[in-house]
């Protein structure tokens, strides 16, 4: 299964509905965890389930399969983007083609189409949804409004809405207080050839957190099976993880010199020959993967553990070590 196919089949987990019917969170919840990242959060709810079991905290999942660090940062509100409709006329009830014609918060790996995502947002004070079909970006108003002639671009305001259900927070929950929560950040796998962009976005997200809240964890990226030692892909992943650790040594997910990636490798099945070959080649063990890249959601017959649960247990241990949970 290639990554584009994976993004396509993951839509059932990460599909985003329209802005109507959001579940508002009425009060601040500092004792909570927010997941901001790519498919390692966005394609499952087993990671969050284990995290809830280990911490007892509410977990808000904003993960999105295929998302680049730019997509994650823009949906987080770390910075903004401006658009205007073609012809500077916002028309009601139709898809308005926008300029600049770039995906922005819907930028996925390889600029793939995000046809299953209808991102709740607003422009010019009008609520609607943003769509990206792989070639064009559109805004559609939710309700009938008067066609308006506009004189300048508008900031796109993205509603802070969860994308994946967890054991204690529903999908489509509005959580504007997320900057007060603990952030888990898995950012750069889908634009791994652009380390400067990834670090820009990481710094912007961290800066977005509420003053006085320094509870965030940077999670290392994992190599795919086609990125063994010595390949360009392996070098790109190693560089990103090194930059993460250099920029945020106290927040990089590492315990006693073992980071999240190495811990994952260490949980291979020593009786599984393919796992041993994988470890020798510098890639994650097949028994803990569901495909060429993603941690397994359930325990496979040839595995000792489920991949997502191994990761969640280690992250929870890190949070406890920090005294944050």
Protein backbone atom coordinates (compact mmCIF):
# COMPACT_ATOMS: atom_id res chain seq x y z
CA UNK A 1 0.00 0.00 0.00
CA UNK A 2 1.51 3.38 -0.96
CA UNK A 3 1.00 6.59 1.00
CA UNK A 4 -1.53 8.09 -1.38
CA UNK A 5 -3.65 4.94 -1.05
CA UNK A 6 -3.30 5.13 2.71
CA UNK A 7 -4.56 8.72 2.77
CA UNK A 8 -7.53 7.67 0.66
CA UNK A 9 -8.60 4.73 2.83
CA UNK A 10 -8.17 6.71 6.04
CA UNK A 11 -10.99 9.09 5.23
CA UNK A 12 -13.50 7.20 7.31
CA UNK A 13 -11.52 8.00 10.43
CA UNK A 14 -10.62 11.61 9.74
CA UNK A 15 -13.56 12.91 7.72
CA UNK A 16 -14.56 16.40 8.82
CA UNK A 17 -18.18 17.47 8.64
CA UNK A 18 -19.56 20.96 8.17
CA UNK A 19 -19.50 23.57 10.90
CA UNK A 20 -23.08 22.95 12.02
CA UNK A 21 -23.60 21.00 15.21
CA UNK A 22 -20.25 21.69 16.87
CA UNK A 23 -20.03 20.53 20.47
CA UNK A 24 -18.86 23.51 22.49
CA UNK A 25 -16.58 23.05 25.48
CA UNK A 26 -17.91 25.48 28.02
CA UNK A 27 -15.01 25.82 30.42
CA UNK A 28 -11.25 25.78 30.37
CA UNK A 29 -9.64 22.39 30.81
CA UNK A 30 -6.00 22.81 31.60
CA UNK A 31 -5.74 19.15 32.56
CA UNK A 32 -6.15 17.96 28.99
CA UNK A 33 -4.07 16.78 26.06
CA UNK A 34 -4.32 17.98 22.45
CA UNK A 35 -2.96 15.90 19.57
CA UNK A 36 -1.73 17.98 16.63
CA UNK A 37 -0.21 15.99 13.82
CA UNK A 38 -0.39 13.74 10.81
CA UNK A 39 -1.75 10.21 10.33
CA UNK A 40 0.05 8.78 13.35
CA UNK A 41 -2.75 10.55 15.24
CA UNK A 42 -5.28 10.92 12.44
CA UNK A 43 -5.74 7.31 11.31
CA UNK A 44 -6.63 5.71 14.64
CA UNK A 45 -8.07 6.12 18.11
CA UNK A 46 -6.01 3.39 19.79
CA UNK A 47 -3.14 5.78 20.54
CA UNK A 48 -5.54 8.13 22.33
CA UNK A 49 -7.30 5.25 24.10
CA UNK A 50 -4.02 4.06 25.63
CA UNK A 51 -3.07 7.63 26.50
CA UNK A 52 -6.39 8.12 28.30
CA UNK A 53 -5.91 4.83 30.19
CA UNK A 54 -2.42 5.90 31.28
CA UNK A 55 -3.22 9.51 32.23
CA UNK A 56 -6.97 9.83 32.84
CA UNK A 57 -6.92 13.12 30.94
CA UNK A 58 -9.35 14.25 28.23
CA UNK A 59 -7.66 13.86 24.85
CA UNK A 60 -8.62 16.16 21.96
CA UNK A 61 -7.49 14.73 18.63
CA UNK A 62 -6.85 17.26 15.84
CA UNK A 63 -4.85 14.75 13.78
CA UNK A 64 -5.27 14.59 10.03
CA UNK A 65 -3.95 11.84 7.75
CA UNK A 66 -1.60 13.18 5.11
CA UNK A 67 -1.25 16.60 6.76
CA UNK A 68 1.93 18.61 6.30
CA UNK A 69 3.36 20.76 9.06
CA UNK A 70 1.88 23.81 7.31
CA UNK A 71 -1.60 22.29 7.40
CA UNK A 72 -1.21 21.44 11.07
CA UNK A 73 0.07 24.92 12.00
CA UNK A 74 -2.67 26.75 10.10
CA UNK A 75 -5.45 24.61 11.55
CA UNK A 76 -3.91 25.11 15.00
CA UNK A 77 -4.07 28.88 14.55
CA UNK A 78 -0.30 29.27 14.89
CA UNK A 79 -0.45 31.74 12.01
CA UNK A 80 -3.01 32.73 9.42
CA UNK A 81 -3.54 32.82 5.68
CA UNK A 82 -5.56 35.28 3.60
CA UNK A 83 -7.76 34.48 0.63
CA UNK A 84 -10.17 36.36 -1.59
CA UNK A 85 -12.78 34.98 -4.00
CA UNK A 86 -12.13 35.18 -7.70
CA UNK A 87 -13.45 38.49 -9.01
CA UNK A 88 -13.70 39.71 -5.41
CA UNK A 89 -17.32 38.61 -5.29
CA UNK A 90 -18.44 36.25 -2.51
CA UNK A 91 -21.42 34.33 -3.83
CA UNK A 92 -23.89 32.53 -1.61
CA UNK A 93 -24.59 28.83 -1.95
CA UNK A 94 -21.90 28.06 -4.52
CA UNK A 95 -18.25 27.10 -4.40
CA UNK A 96 -16.19 30.29 -4.60
CA UNK A 97 -12.80 29.78 -6.23
CA UNK A 98 -10.18 31.51 -4.11
CA UNK A 99 -6.88 33.24 -4.70
CA UNK A 100 -4.13 32.53 -4.02
CA UNK A 101 -5.00 29.10 -5.36
CA UNK A 102 -3.07 27.11 -2.74
CA UNK A 103 -4.32 24.47 -0.27
CA UNK A 104 -2.97 26.17 2.88
CA UNK A 105 -4.65 24.38 5.82
CA UNK A 106 -5.61 21.51 3.50
CA UNK A 107 -2.11 20.92 2.20
CA UNK A 108 -1.49 17.19 2.34
CA UNK A 109 1.42 15.00 1.31
CA UNK A 110 2.21 15.61 -2.35
CA UNK A 111 -0.56 18.24 -2.53
CA UNK A 112 -3.04 15.37 -2.69
CA UNK A 113 -6.72 16.18 -3.06
CA UNK A 114 -8.56 16.49 0.24
CA UNK A 115 -12.02 15.84 -1.16
CA UNK A 116 -13.28 14.16 2.02
CA UNK A 117 -12.43 17.20 4.16
CA UNK A 118 -14.84 20.12 4.35
CA UNK A 119 -12.94 22.36 6.73
CA UNK A 120 -15.20 24.50 8.95
CA UNK A 121 -14.07 28.11 8.83
CA UNK A 122 -15.12 31.64 8.03
CA UNK A 123 -14.16 34.49 5.73
CA UNK A 124 -15.35 38.09 5.85
CA UNK A 125 -17.36 37.14 8.94
CA UNK A 126 -19.32 34.51 6.97
CA UNK A 127 -19.18 30.86 8.09
CA UNK A 128 -18.63 28.08 5.60
CA UNK A 129 -16.29 25.30 4.57
CA UNK A 130 -12.98 25.16 2.72
CA UNK A 131 -12.36 22.49 0.06
CA UNK A 132 -9.28 21.45 -1.93
CA UNK A 133 -9.70 19.11 -4.93
CA UNK A 134 -6.00 18.78 -5.71
CA UNK A 135 -6.06 21.67 -8.17
CA UNK A 136 -8.32 24.37 -6.78
CA UNK A 137 -9.26 25.82 -3.39
CA UNK A 138 -12.89 26.77 -2.73
CA UNK A 139 -14.99 28.41 -0.01
CA UNK A 140 -18.71 27.65 0.28
CA UNK A 141 -20.96 29.59 2.63
CA UNK A 142 -23.08 27.60 5.08
CA UNK A 143 -26.17 29.76 4.86
CA UNK A 144 -27.76 32.00 2.29
CA UNK A 145 -26.11 35.41 2.35
CA UNK A 146 -26.23 38.45 0.14
CA UNK A 147 -23.65 38.34 -2.65
CA UNK A 148 -20.95 40.75 -1.60
CA UNK A 149 -18.42 42.79 -3.55
CA UNK A 150 -15.16 42.89 -1.63
CA UNK A 151 -12.21 45.23 -1.68
CA UNK A 152 -9.46 43.18 -0.01
CA UNK A 153 -8.49 39.63 0.99
CA UNK A 154 -9.83 38.16 4.23
CA UNK A 155 -8.05 36.23 6.95
CA UNK A 156 -9.33 32.64 6.96
CA UNK A 157 -10.50 31.83 10.50
CA UNK A 158 -10.45 28.09 11.08
CA UNK A 159 -12.72 26.70 13.77
CA UNK A 160 -10.84 24.72 16.46
CA UNK A 161 -12.66 21.48 15.87
CA UNK A 162 -11.47 17.96 16.65
CA UNK A 163 -11.14 15.58 13.73
CA UNK A 164 -11.04 12.13 15.36
CA UNK A 165 -13.12 10.77 18.22
CA UNK A 166 -11.28 9.68 21.36
CA UNK A 167 -12.54 7.71 24.33
CA UNK A 168 -13.61 10.84 26.17
CA UNK A 169 -13.97 13.57 23.49
CA UNK A 170 -16.31 13.33 20.51
CA UNK A 171 -15.33 14.11 16.95
CA UNK A 172 -16.31 17.64 15.86
CA UNK A 173 -15.85 19.07 19.36
CA UNK A 174 -14.99 22.76 19.41
CA UNK A 175 -12.09 23.38 21.77
CA UNK A 176 -10.87 27.00 21.57
CA UNK A 177 -8.95 26.59 24.85
CA UNK A 178 -6.52 24.08 23.35
CA UNK A 179 -3.53 26.47 23.77
CA UNK A 180 -3.90 25.88 27.53
CA UNK A 181 -3.62 22.10 27.17
CA UNK A 182 -0.65 19.77 26.82
CA UNK A 183 0.38 19.61 23.16
CA UNK A 184 1.66 16.44 21.53
CA UNK A 185 3.20 17.41 18.19
CA UNK A 186 3.86 14.98 15.31
CA UNK A 187 4.47 17.39 12.47
CA UNK A 188 6.90 16.68 9.69
CA UNK A 189 6.49 13.26 8.10
CA UNK A 190 4.51 14.49 5.09
CA UNK A 191 6.86 17.32 4.11
CA UNK A 192 10.06 15.69 5.28
CA UNK A 193 12.05 17.19 2.40
CA UNK A 194 11.48 20.67 3.87
CA UNK A 195 13.12 20.76 7.32
CA UNK A 196 13.19 24.56 7.50
CA UNK A 197 9.44 24.72 6.94
CA UNK A 198 8.84 22.03 9.55
CA UNK A 199 10.87 23.90 12.16
CA UNK A 200 9.14 27.18 11.29
CA UNK A 201 5.79 25.52 11.90
CA UNK A 202 6.91 23.80 15.11
CA UNK A 203 8.09 27.12 16.54
CA UNK A 204 4.87 28.86 15.49
CA UNK A 205 2.70 26.21 17.18
CA UNK A 206 4.73 26.34 20.39
CA UNK A 207 4.50 30.14 20.39
CA UNK A 208 0.72 29.85 19.98
CA UNK A 209 0.40 28.19 23.38
CA UNK A 210 -0.96 30.26 26.25
CA UNK A 211 1.63 32.30 28.14
CA UNK A 212 2.88 30.27 31.05
CA UNK A 213 1.98 26.95 29.44
CA UNK A 214 5.18 25.19 28.48
CA UNK A 215 3.76 21.67 28.33
CA UNK A 216 4.46 20.35 24.86
CA UNK A 217 6.13 17.24 23.49
CA UNK A 218 7.89 16.94 20.13
CA UNK A 219 7.61 13.42 18.75
CA UNK A 220 10.29 12.08 16.38
CA UNK A 221 9.38 11.08 12.85
CA UNK A 222 9.60 7.43 11.78
CA UNK A 223 11.29 6.16 8.61
CA UNK A 224 9.29 4.09 6.13
CA UNK A 225 10.29 0.62 5.01
CA UNK A 226 11.63 2.09 1.76
CA UNK A 227 14.00 4.39 3.69
CA UNK A 228 16.73 2.07 5.04
CA UNK A 229 20.11 3.28 6.26
CA UNK A 230 22.03 5.25 3.68
CA UNK A 231 19.04 6.42 1.64
CA UNK A 232 18.12 10.05 1.14
CA UNK A 233 14.84 9.47 2.94
CA UNK A 234 16.58 8.05 6.00
CA UNK A 235 18.91 11.04 6.09
CA UNK A 236 15.96 13.46 5.86
CA UNK A 237 14.17 11.82 8.78
CA UNK A 238 17.34 11.76 10.86
CA UNK A 239 17.91 15.45 10.15
CA UNK A 240 14.40 16.42 11.19
CA UNK A 241 14.69 14.50 14.45
CA UNK A 242 18.07 16.05 15.14
CA UNK A 243 16.64 19.53 14.55
CA UNK A 244 13.71 18.76 16.86
CA UNK A 245 16.05 17.71 19.64
CA UNK A 246 18.42 20.63 19.16
CA UNK A 247 15.59 23.18 19.22
CA UNK A 248 13.64 21.58 22.08
CA UNK A 249 15.96 19.35 24.13
CA UNK A 250 13.66 19.39 27.17
CA UNK A 251 10.56 18.65 25.11
CA UNK A 252 11.85 16.06 22.65
CA UNK A 253 10.27 12.72 23.55
CA UNK A 254 13.29 10.92 24.96
CA UNK A 255 13.89 9.13 28.26
CA UNK A 256 17.38 8.21 29.47
CA UNK A 257 18.83 8.62 25.98
CA UNK A 258 16.14 6.52 24.28
CA UNK A 259 13.69 8.44 22.12
CA UNK A 260 10.22 7.39 20.99
CA UNK A 261 11.55 5.98 17.71
CA UNK A 262 14.27 3.90 19.36
CA UNK A 263 11.79 2.64 21.93
CA UNK A 264 9.54 1.50 19.09
CA UNK A 265 12.47 -0.32 17.46
CA UNK A 266 13.36 -1.92 20.79
CA UNK A 267 9.93 -3.57 20.99
CA UNK A 268 10.48 -5.74 17.91
CA UNK A 269 9.87 -9.46 18.10
CA UNK A 270 13.31 -11.11 18.47
CA UNK A 271 11.84 -14.37 17.13
CA UNK A 272 10.64 -12.68 13.95
CA UNK A 273 13.27 -12.84 11.19
CA UNK A 274 11.73 -9.96 9.25
CA UNK A 275 11.86 -7.77 12.36
CA UNK A 276 15.55 -8.58 12.79
CA UNK A 277 16.20 -7.71 9.16
CA UNK A 278 14.28 -4.45 9.56
CA UNK A 279 16.28 -3.45 12.62
CA UNK A 280 19.53 -4.22 10.82
CA UNK A 281 18.38 -2.00 7.93
CA UNK A 282 17.46 0.85 10.26
CA UNK A 283 13.69 0.74 9.67
CA UNK A 284 10.87 0.06 12.08
CA UNK A 285 9.91 -3.59 12.69
CA UNK A 286 7.29 -5.04 10.38
CA UNK A 287 5.47 -6.70 13.26
CA UNK A 288 4.64 -3.27 14.71
CA UNK A 289 3.60 -1.71 11.39
CA UNK A 290 0.31 -1.99 9.53
CA UNK A 291 1.91 -0.99 6.22
CA UNK A 292 5.17 0.49 5.00
CA UNK A 293 5.09 3.30 7.58
CA UNK A 294 2.23 3.46 10.08
CA UNK A 295 2.28 1.82 13.53
CA UNK A 296 -0.16 -1.08 13.80
CA UNK A 297 -3.52 -0.24 15.37
CA UNK A 298 -4.04 -3.75 16.74
CA UNK A 299 -1.59 -6.47 17.70
CA UNK A 300 -0.60 -8.51 14.66
CA UNK A 301 -0.22 -12.32 14.87
CA UNK A 302 3.58 -12.07 14.54
CA UNK A 303 3.93 -9.20 17.02
CA UNK A 304 4.42 -8.88 20.74
CA UNK A 305 2.55 -5.57 20.92
CA UNK A 306 0.37 -3.13 18.97
CA UNK A 307 2.45 -0.29 17.54
CA UNK A 308 0.20 2.61 18.53
CA UNK A 309 0.01 1.39 22.11
CA UNK A 310 3.79 1.13 22.40
CA UNK A 311 4.03 4.76 21.37
CA UNK A 312 1.25 5.93 23.70
CA UNK A 313 2.77 4.14 26.70
CA UNK A 314 6.13 5.80 26.12
CA UNK A 315 4.59 9.26 25.67
CA UNK A 316 2.57 8.79 28.87
CA UNK A 317 5.75 7.81 30.69
CA UNK A 318 7.41 11.00 29.42
CA UNK A 319 4.45 13.12 30.58
CA UNK A 320 4.59 11.52 34.02
CA UNK A 321 8.35 12.06 34.21
CA UNK A 322 7.71 15.75 33.51
CA UNK A 323 5.07 15.88 36.23
CA UNK A 324 2.43 17.10 33.76
CA UNK A 325 -0.06 14.28 34.40
